[in-house]
Amino acid sequence: MKPVFLVGLTSLSLLAACEQATVFEDDRPEESFGMFAITDASREGASSAPAPAPQPLQDTAARARDDGAEAASDEGSERLVAYSYGYQLETPAAATSTLVETHRDACVSAGPETCQVVNANIRQQGDRGVSATLSLRAVPAWIDEFRSGLSSQLDTADGRIRNQTQTAEDLTATIVDLEARLTAKEILRTRLTALLERPGASVEELVRVERELARLQGDIEGSQARIRALRGRVSMSAMTLNYASRIEPVSRSAFDPLGRALRNLSGDFARGLADVLGFIAGFLPWLIVILPVGWLGTRWGSRLLQRRREQRKA
């Protein structure tokens, strides 16, 4: 049985080298499907009859991958397209927050299986009004209904749609390819599991099979998660709503400067008084030097004038 088992190992090693050359789209290089082959000869165990040469496993895995691709193509003949929508909305400042809450409540009321709120935030921008962002994921039917009623809602709130975008990403080829590879991996997992039940295998061989099964199971779960994520993008479209308040124009009159000055009177007075106090505080230290020097200079000058007057009289 040992030569047969070693031939199987060689076949699976060739398959590993072949599969490692395959590259997923947006993923790491595909790793090998397995390291061991199950053949009719290996199932016979320690039979006295000569065992036939095992069939290469790469041919079996290739056929399984092709069959899986054909089955996935037959089951998903429709195009698997992920849609996303974007809107730039302009609304009055007083109505922006209310409109955001209305759209958010409509999604929450539909239920998580129909619509999900991914992100919602409202930002106050002072004199510039209010801005907000609302990101949703919903089934296409709900998205179509929401879009059809959006214009009437904006008309009621005295708003408008400034810009709208729609993008579509065809994921058909990616999903079909992943499902075909997943089918091939599941077939190989079944074969490796059967290989563990064969009698007569050494401990080292069993450890290698179990290690390969663990790695293969991780690949299968990763592929299943990837497929679920891609199909989720197809089943629920994405929508992003950006709200911006409209800045209302204000008429100006000839008395606006006077009103602005009166409003700023207290602030201007406080700033002026602060400047005076700051000047006094900065000048006070100099008085310690200036006053004695000035007093001495005055005394010296008065004595000098007195002497000159006495000299003139003499």
Protein backbone atom coordinates (compact mmCIF):
# COMPACT_ATOMS: atom_id res chain seq x y z
CA MET A 1 0.00 0.00 0.00
CA LYS A 2 2.93 2.37 0.64
CA PRO A 3 3.86 2.84 -3.05
CA VAL A 4 0.24 3.60 -3.90
CA PHE A 5 -0.07 6.10 -1.07
CA LEU A 6 3.18 7.80 -2.14
CA VAL A 7 1.92 8.06 -5.72
CA GLY A 8 -1.22 9.71 -4.36
CA LEU A 9 0.92 12.15 -2.40
CA THR A 10 2.86 12.99 -5.56
CA SER A 11 -0.34 13.61 -7.51
CA LEU A 12 -1.70 15.92 -4.83
CA SER A 13 1.60 17.78 -4.64
CA LEU A 14 1.38 18.41 -8.40
CA LEU A 15 -2.16 19.68 -7.88
CA ALA A 16 -0.95 22.02 -5.15
CA ALA A 17 1.68 23.49 -7.47
CA CYS A 18 -0.90 23.90 -10.22
CA GLU A 19 -3.53 25.56 -8.02
CA GLN A 20 -1.04 27.99 -6.46
CA ALA A 21 -0.58 29.61 -9.87
CA THR A 22 -4.26 30.63 -9.94
CA VAL A 23 -4.99 34.17 -8.74
CA PHE A 24 -8.33 35.37 -7.39
CA GLU A 25 -9.61 38.72 -8.41
CA ASP A 26 -8.77 41.18 -5.55
CA ASP A 27 -7.50 38.29 -3.41
CA ARG A 28 -4.29 36.44 -2.62
CA PRO A 29 -3.01 33.63 -4.92
CA GLU A 30 -5.20 30.56 -4.64
CA GLU A 31 -3.55 27.84 -2.56
CA SER A 32 -3.56 24.16 -3.35
CA PHE A 33 -6.72 22.13 -2.86
CA GLY A 34 -4.98 19.25 -1.17
CA MET A 35 -2.03 16.90 -0.86
CA PHE A 36 -3.54 13.43 -1.06
CA ALA A 37 -5.47 11.43 -3.69
CA ILE A 38 -8.05 8.68 -3.29
CA THR A 39 -8.10 6.09 -6.05
CA ASP A 40 -9.77 2.77 -6.62
CA ALA A 41 -6.45 1.11 -5.85
CA SER A 42 -6.09 2.89 -2.51
CA ARG A 43 -9.59 1.76 -1.44
CA GLU A 44 -8.60 -1.90 -1.89
CA GLY A 45 -6.19 -1.60 1.09
CA ALA A 46 -3.79 -4.48 1.50
CA SER A 47 -5.34 -6.69 -1.22
CA SER A 48 -3.09 -9.33 -2.67
CA ALA A 49 -4.08 -8.36 -6.21
CA PRO A 50 -1.77 -5.82 -7.88
CA ALA A 51 -3.12 -2.27 -7.55
CA PRO A 52 -3.65 -0.21 -10.69
CA ALA A 53 -1.88 3.11 -11.05
CA PRO A 54 -3.79 6.01 -9.39
CA GLN A 55 -5.40 8.68 -11.53
CA PRO A 56 -3.94 12.19 -11.15
CA LEU A 57 -6.09 14.26 -8.81
CA GLN A 58 -5.55 17.51 -10.75
CA ASP A 59 -7.79 16.13 -13.52
CA THR A 60 -10.52 15.29 -10.99
CA ALA A 61 -10.30 18.70 -9.34
CA ALA A 62 -10.34 20.46 -12.71
CA ARG A 63 -13.46 18.54 -13.74
CA ALA A 64 -15.11 19.40 -10.40
CA ARG A 65 -14.28 23.09 -10.87
CA ASP A 66 -15.69 23.07 -14.42
CA ASP A 67 -18.85 21.25 -13.27
CA GLY A 68 -19.27 23.74 -10.44
CA ALA A 69 -18.87 26.68 -12.82
CA GLU A 70 -21.49 25.23 -15.18
CA ALA A 71 -23.91 24.61 -12.27
CA ALA A 72 -23.42 28.11 -10.91
CA SER A 73 -23.88 29.58 -14.37
CA ASP A 74 -27.12 27.60 -14.87
CA GLU A 75 -28.49 28.57 -11.44
CA GLY A 76 -27.59 32.27 -11.77
CA SER A 77 -28.29 33.00 -15.42
CA GLU A 78 -29.45 36.50 -14.42
CA ARG A 79 -26.89 39.23 -14.02
CA LEU A 80 -25.75 39.82 -10.43
CA VAL A 81 -25.38 43.60 -10.26
CA ALA A 82 -24.71 45.74 -7.16
CA TYR A 83 -26.30 49.20 -7.40
CA SER A 84 -25.41 52.32 -5.40
CA TYR A 85 -27.07 55.74 -5.41
CA GLY A 86 -25.88 59.16 -4.28
CA TYR A 87 -27.87 62.37 -3.74
CA GLN A 88 -26.85 65.95 -2.97
CA LEU A 89 -29.85 67.72 -1.42
CA GLU A 90 -30.31 71.43 -0.72
CA THR A 91 -32.88 72.36 1.93
CA PRO A 92 -33.72 75.36 4.14
CA ALA A 93 -31.77 75.40 7.40
CA ALA A 94 -34.93 75.04 9.50
CA ALA A 95 -36.11 71.95 7.59
CA THR A 96 -32.84 70.02 7.22
CA SER A 97 -32.86 68.19 10.55
CA THR A 98 -36.55 67.31 10.23
CA LEU A 99 -36.04 65.90 6.74
CA VAL A 100 -33.09 63.77 7.88
CA GLU A 101 -35.11 62.32 10.75
CA THR A 102 -38.04 61.61 8.41
CA HIS A 103 -35.85 59.62 6.01
CA ARG A 104 -34.14 57.78 8.86
CA ASP A 105 -37.45 56.84 10.48
CA ALA A 106 -38.79 55.57 7.15
CA CYS A 107 -35.84 53.16 6.89
CA VAL A 108 -36.10 52.01 10.52
CA SER A 109 -39.86 51.44 10.18
CA ALA A 110 -39.30 49.17 7.16
CA GLY A 111 -37.34 46.71 9.32
CA PRO A 112 -33.72 45.49 9.17
CA GLU A 113 -34.51 42.87 6.51
CA THR A 114 -35.75 45.63 4.18
CA CYS A 115 -33.64 48.67 5.11
CA GLN A 116 -30.64 49.28 7.34
CA VAL A 117 -29.22 52.61 8.53
CA VAL A 118 -25.45 52.41 8.04
CA ASN A 119 -24.54 55.95 9.10
CA ALA A 120 -26.42 59.08 10.17
CA ASN A 121 -25.01 62.38 11.45
CA ILE A 122 -26.11 66.02 11.63
CA ARG A 123 -23.61 68.89 11.93
CA GLN A 124 -24.40 72.46 13.01
CA GLN A 125 -22.29 74.98 11.06
CA GLY A 126 -23.21 78.25 12.74
CA ASP A 127 -24.27 80.93 10.27
CA ARG A 128 -23.86 78.46 7.42
CA GLY A 129 -26.79 76.38 8.68
CA VAL A 130 -26.94 72.60 9.01
CA SER A 131 -25.31 69.78 7.06
CA ALA A 132 -26.06 66.07 7.39
CA THR A 133 -25.24 62.66 5.91
CA LEU A 134 -27.45 59.57 5.85
CA SER A 135 -26.20 56.22 4.49
CA LEU A 136 -28.67 53.38 3.89
CA ARG A 137 -28.71 49.81 2.58
CA ALA A 138 -32.07 48.54 1.36
CA VAL A 139 -33.69 46.07 -1.01
CA PRO A 140 -34.16 47.41 -4.56
CA ALA A 141 -37.97 47.63 -4.23
CA TRP A 142 -37.72 49.90 -1.19
CA ILE A 143 -35.03 52.01 -2.85
CA ASP A 144 -37.24 52.53 -5.93
CA GLU A 145 -40.20 53.54 -3.78
CA PHE A 146 -38.06 55.94 -1.74
CA ARG A 147 -36.59 57.57 -4.84
CA SER A 148 -40.00 58.02 -6.43
CA GLY A 149 -41.27 59.99 -3.40
CA LEU A 150 -38.10 61.98 -2.73
CA SER A 151 -38.89 64.85 -5.12
CA SER A 152 -42.33 65.47 -3.60
CA GLN A 153 -40.84 65.48 -0.09
CA LEU A 154 -38.28 68.08 -1.12
CA ASP A 155 -40.94 70.23 -2.79
CA THR A 156 -42.94 70.20 0.45
CA ALA A 157 -39.85 71.23 2.43
CA ASP A 158 -38.95 73.92 -0.17
CA GLY A 159 -35.78 72.03 -1.13
CA ARG A 160 -34.31 70.57 -4.29
CA ILE A 161 -31.96 67.89 -5.62
CA ARG A 162 -28.67 69.48 -6.60
CA ASN A 163 -27.01 66.34 -7.91
CA GLN A 164 -27.70 62.60 -8.15
CA THR A 165 -25.55 59.67 -9.23
CA GLN A 166 -26.15 55.98 -9.88
CA THR A 167 -23.46 53.33 -10.30
CA ALA A 168 -23.69 49.62 -11.08
CA GLU A 169 -21.04 46.95 -10.54
CA ASP A 170 -21.49 43.61 -12.29
CA LEU A 171 -20.44 40.86 -9.84
CA THR A 172 -21.71 37.92 -11.90
CA ALA A 173 -18.31 36.62 -13.04
CA THR A 174 -16.75 37.05 -9.59
CA ILE A 175 -19.55 35.23 -7.76
CA VAL A 176 -19.76 32.39 -10.29
CA ASP A 177 -15.99 31.88 -10.17
CA LEU A 178 -15.95 31.84 -6.36
CA GLU A 179 -18.83 29.37 -6.21
CA ALA A 180 -17.15 27.06 -8.72
CA ARG A 181 -13.93 27.06 -6.73
CA LEU A 182 -15.90 26.48 -3.54
CA THR A 183 -17.54 23.40 -5.10
CA ALA A 184 -14.14 21.99 -6.06
CA LYS A 185 -12.80 22.58 -2.54
CA GLU A 186 -15.80 20.86 -0.97
CA ILE A 187 -15.30 17.83 -3.24
CA LEU A 188 -11.65 17.67 -2.24
CA ARG A 189 -12.60 17.96 1.44
CA THR A 190 -14.86 14.91 1.05
CA ARG A 191 -12.02 12.94 -0.54
CA LEU A 192 -9.54 13.90 2.15
CA THR A 193 -12.03 12.99 4.87
CA ALA A 194 -12.44 9.55 3.30
CA LEU A 195 -8.67 9.21 3.18
CA LEU A 196 -8.48 9.58 6.97
CA GLU A 197 -10.73 6.50 7.36
CA ARG A 198 -8.46 4.23 5.33
CA PRO A 199 -6.80 1.49 7.36
CA GLY A 200 -3.08 1.03 7.37
CA ALA A 201 -1.95 4.67 7.07
CA SER A 202 0.96 5.76 9.22
CA VAL A 203 0.70 8.42 11.92
CA GLU A 204 2.80 10.83 9.87
CA GLU A 205 0.52 10.42 6.86
CA LEU A 206 -2.60 10.96 8.97
CA VAL A 207 -1.12 14.11 10.52
CA ARG A 208 -0.40 15.50 7.07
CA VAL A 209 -3.94 14.76 5.92
CA GLU A 210 -5.44 16.41 9.01
CA ARG A 211 -3.25 19.47 8.56
CA GLU A 212 -4.33 19.78 4.94
CA LEU A 213 -7.98 19.32 5.93
CA ALA A 214 -7.70 22.15 8.48
CA ARG A 215 -6.17 24.48 5.89
CA LEU A 216 -8.78 23.51 3.32
CA GLN A 217 -11.62 24.08 5.80
CA GLY A 218 -10.31 27.60 6.44
CA ASP A 219 -10.27 28.30 2.70
CA ILE A 220 -13.83 26.99 2.36
CA GLU A 221 -15.13 29.21 5.18
CA GLY A 222 -13.33 32.22 3.74
CA SER A 223 -14.85 31.60 0.30
CA GLN A 224 -18.31 31.20 1.82
CA ALA A 225 -17.97 34.50 3.69
CA ARG A 226 -16.77 36.24 0.52
CA ILE A 227 -19.73 34.90 -1.47
CA ARG A 228 -22.20 35.94 1.24
CA ALA A 229 -20.76 39.46 1.24
CA LEU A 230 -20.96 39.80 -2.53
CA ARG A 231 -24.50 38.42 -2.69
CA GLY A 232 -25.44 40.81 0.12
CA ARG A 233 -24.29 43.72 -2.03
CA VAL A 234 -26.50 42.44 -4.84
CA SER A 235 -29.57 41.84 -2.68
CA MET A 236 -29.39 45.24 -0.91
CA SER A 237 -28.47 48.44 -2.75
CA ALA A 238 -26.54 51.28 -1.12
CA MET A 239 -27.77 54.87 -0.93
CA THR A 240 -26.02 57.96 0.46
CA LEU A 241 -27.91 61.21 1.06
CA ASN A 242 -25.94 64.42 1.68
CA TYR A 243 -27.94 67.38 3.00
CA ALA A 244 -26.77 71.01 2.89
CA SER A 245 -28.71 74.01 4.18
CA ARG A 246 -29.49 76.78 1.74
CA ILE A 247 -28.09 80.16 2.75
CA GLU A 248 -30.93 82.66 2.46
CA PRO A 249 -29.99 86.07 0.96
CA VAL A 250 -30.45 89.06 3.32
CA SER A 251 -31.25 92.59 2.06
CA ARG A 252 -29.07 95.39 3.44
CA SER A 253 -30.12 98.97 4.22
CA ALA A 254 -28.21 102.23 4.68
CA PHE A 255 -28.53 101.97 8.48
CA ASP A 256 -26.89 98.56 8.74
CA PRO A 257 -23.46 100.05 9.64
CA LEU A 258 -25.03 102.12 12.45
CA GLY A 259 -26.85 99.10 13.84
CA ARG A 260 -23.69 97.04 13.66
CA ALA A 261 -21.76 99.79 15.52
CA LEU A 262 -24.40 99.95 18.26
CA ARG A 263 -24.30 96.19 18.67
CA ASN A 264 -20.52 96.33 18.98
CA LEU A 265 -20.46 99.38 21.30
CA SER A 266 -19.95 97.50 24.55
CA GLY A 267 -17.28 95.29 23.08
CA ASP A 268 -15.36 98.22 21.56
CA PHE A 269 -15.54 100.16 24.86
CA ALA A 270 -14.23 97.19 26.81
CA ARG A 271 -11.35 96.69 24.38
CA GLY A 272 -10.40 100.41 24.56
CA LEU A 273 -10.45 100.45 28.35
CA ALA A 274 -8.33 97.31 28.39
CA ASP A 275 -5.76 99.03 26.15
CA VAL A 276 -5.55 102.07 28.49
CA LEU A 277 -5.12 99.90 31.57
CA GLY A 278 -2.48 97.90 29.80
CA PHE A 279 -0.55 101.09 28.92
CA ILE A 280 -0.72 102.33 32.52
CA ALA A 281 0.40 98.98 33.87
CA GLY A 282 3.34 98.99 31.49
CA PHE A 283 4.33 102.62 32.29
CA LEU A 284 4.19 102.42 36.11
CA PRO A 285 7.56 100.64 36.55
CA TRP A 286 9.26 103.50 34.71
CA LEU A 287 8.00 106.06 37.29
CA ILE A 288 10.37 104.55 39.86
CA VAL A 289 13.27 105.79 37.72
CA ILE A 290 11.75 108.90 36.12
CA LEU A 291 10.50 110.63 39.34
CA PRO A 292 13.85 110.63 41.26
CA VAL A 293 15.78 111.67 38.18
CA GLY A 294 13.30 114.45 37.45
CA TRP A 295 13.42 115.70 41.05
CA LEU A 296 17.23 115.80 41.08
CA GLY A 297 17.27 117.51 37.71
CA THR A 298 14.87 120.18 38.93
CA ARG A 299 16.94 120.85 42.06
CA TRP A 300 20.14 121.11 40.11
CA GLY A 301 18.57 123.44 37.58
CA SER A 302 17.14 125.76 40.24
CA ARG A 303 20.53 126.07 42.00
CA LEU A 304 22.25 126.80 38.72
CA LEU A 305 19.81 129.62 37.95
CA GLN A 306 20.23 131.07 41.44
CA ARG A 307 24.04 131.19 41.08
CA ARG A 308 23.81 133.00 37.75
CA ARG A 309 21.49 135.60 39.25
CA GLU A 310 23.92 136.22 42.16
CA GLN A 311 26.84 136.61 39.73
CA ARG A 312 24.91 139.22 37.71
CA LYS A 313 24.08 141.24 40.83
CA ALA A 314 27.69 141.23 41.94
